[in-house]
Every structure is written in structure tokens, then in C-alpha cells.
């Protein structure tokens, strides 16, 4: 039954090609969006790790509570800002003060 309907609704070759092209374009756009999301997650993970590495090197230890707090931050812009701030802080406590109270809210 579906084959009959499919044949009855067949598009002229030019329109069929145009439709397939638009479908392919849409699929590619969707893949890119997903890839961008995955890239952003990877960048956030890398940024978190860089922050922790810098704090570890500079202050020899990082409290587990701070590790958990950083792991809950998904805002890439905030993580980048914190990474830059890590260079200039004088203590882990000073770094912790830079983290906004609502930063652990997952978007």
C-alpha cells in the first residue's frame, strides 16, 4: 500500500532532487549543532581541569568541595573567566570567593 502511495505522490526529478538536497542540508545542520554542543562540553571540561591543575600547582591542594563546585559549573564563559582569575589569586579561599553563589545551577 505504501509503495502505491509513494509512486502516486512522486515528485518530478528536479523537485525530488531539491527536496533531497534540503533534507541533507537540514541533517547536516542538526549534526553540526550537536557537534557544537559536544565541543562546548569538552571545552568546559578542559577549562575545569586547567583551573584545578593551576590551583593544585600553586597551592598544593584543592578542597574536594571546590572540585565538586567547579564540576557543577556548565557556563563556559564563567569557566574561562575563572581560569584567567586563577593566575592572580593569592589563595584557594580567594579563588572560591570569585565563584558566584548561583554558579552551580545547571542550565
Protein backbone atom coordinates (compact mmCIF):
# COMPACT_ATOMS: atom_id res chain seq x y z
CA UNK A 1 0.00 0.00 0.00
CA UNK A 2 2.79 2.44 0.91
CA UNK A 3 4.58 1.75 -2.36
CA UNK A 4 1.45 2.67 -4.31
CA UNK A 5 1.01 5.89 -2.35
CA UNK A 6 4.71 6.69 -2.73
CA UNK A 7 4.50 6.24 -6.51
CA UNK A 8 1.32 8.31 -6.71
CA UNK A 9 2.97 11.14 -4.79
CA UNK A 10 6.25 11.03 -6.68
CA UNK A 11 7.77 14.42 -7.42
CA UNK A 12 9.24 15.41 -10.74
CA UNK A 13 13.00 14.69 -10.75
CA UNK A 14 14.03 18.34 -10.29
CA UNK A 15 11.74 18.80 -7.28
CA UNK A 16 12.77 15.43 -5.83
CA UNK A 17 16.43 16.44 -6.06
CA UNK A 18 15.66 19.81 -4.45
CA UNK A 19 13.78 18.08 -1.62
CA UNK A 20 16.61 15.62 -1.01
CA UNK A 21 19.11 18.48 -1.03
CA UNK A 22 17.11 20.37 1.60
CA UNK A 23 16.75 17.24 3.71
CA UNK A 24 20.51 16.63 3.54
CA UNK A 25 21.21 20.26 4.42
CA UNK A 26 18.87 20.05 7.41
CA UNK A 27 20.50 16.83 8.61
CA UNK A 28 23.96 18.41 8.34
CA UNK A 29 22.83 21.47 10.29
CA UNK A 30 21.47 19.24 13.04
CA UNK A 31 24.72 17.29 13.22
CA UNK A 32 26.73 20.49 13.47
CA UNK A 33 24.57 21.76 16.30
CA UNK A 34 25.07 18.52 18.17
CA UNK A 35 28.78 18.65 17.49
CA UNK A 36 28.92 22.22 18.75
CA UNK A 37 27.22 21.17 21.97
CA UNK A 38 29.67 18.33 22.40
CA UNK A 39 32.59 20.63 21.66
CA UNK A 40 31.32 23.10 24.23
CA UNK A 41 31.06 20.35 26.84
CA UNK A 42 34.59 19.27 26.04
CA UNK A 43 35.86 22.82 26.31
CA UNK A 44 34.13 23.26 29.67
CA UNK A 45 35.64 20.02 30.95
CA UNK A 46 39.08 21.08 29.76
CA UNK A 47 38.69 24.51 31.35
CA UNK A 48 37.67 22.94 34.68
CA UNK A 49 40.68 20.65 34.58
CA UNK A 50 43.02 23.54 33.79
CA UNK A 51 41.65 25.52 36.74
CA UNK A 52 42.14 22.57 39.07
CA UNK A 53 45.64 21.91 37.73
CA UNK A 54 46.67 25.53 38.24
CA UNK A 55 45.24 25.63 41.75
CA UNK A 56 46.97 22.35 42.58
CA UNK A 57 50.34 23.59 41.32
CA UNK A 58 50.05 26.97 43.00
CA UNK A 59 48.57 25.95 46.36
CA UNK A 60 49.42 22.22 46.58
CA UNK A 61 45.90 21.10 47.44
CA UNK A 62 42.35 21.74 46.31
CA UNK A 63 39.42 21.00 48.63
CA UNK A 64 37.03 18.36 47.34
CA UNK A 65 34.14 20.80 47.83
CA UNK A 66 35.78 23.17 45.35
CA UNK A 67 36.28 20.34 42.87
CA UNK A 68 32.57 19.50 43.14
CA UNK A 69 31.58 23.14 42.77
CA UNK A 70 33.69 23.53 39.63
CA UNK A 71 32.34 20.28 38.19
CA UNK A 72 28.82 21.67 38.52
CA UNK A 73 29.58 24.83 36.54
CA UNK A 74 28.49 24.47 32.93
CA UNK A 75 28.77 28.12 31.88
CA UNK A 76 31.80 28.17 29.58
CA UNK A 77 32.20 31.96 29.79
CA UNK A 78 32.31 31.78 33.60
CA UNK A 79 34.81 28.93 33.49
CA UNK A 80 37.06 30.90 31.12
CA UNK A 81 36.86 33.92 33.42
CA UNK A 82 37.70 31.77 36.45
CA UNK A 83 40.63 30.23 34.59
CA UNK A 84 42.10 33.67 33.97
CA UNK A 85 41.44 34.70 37.57
CA UNK A 86 43.24 31.59 38.82
CA UNK A 87 46.52 33.14 37.74
CA UNK A 88 46.19 36.16 40.01
CA UNK A 89 44.62 34.85 43.20
CA UNK A 90 46.68 34.56 46.38
CA UNK A 91 44.88 31.59 47.90
CA UNK A 92 42.29 28.92 47.26
CA UNK A 93 39.91 30.80 49.56
CA UNK A 94 40.32 33.93 47.45
CA UNK A 95 39.56 31.89 44.34
CA UNK A 96 36.43 30.43 45.95
CA UNK A 97 35.16 33.96 46.58
CA UNK A 98 35.19 34.56 42.81
CA UNK A 99 32.61 31.85 42.17
CA UNK A 100 29.08 33.27 42.10
CA UNK A 101 26.64 31.66 44.54
CA UNK A 102 24.30 30.55 41.74
CA UNK A 103 27.07 29.15 39.54
CA UNK A 104 26.23 25.55 40.37
CA UNK A 105 22.77 25.91 38.81
CA UNK A 106 22.77 23.69 35.75
CA UNK A 107 21.31 25.31 32.65
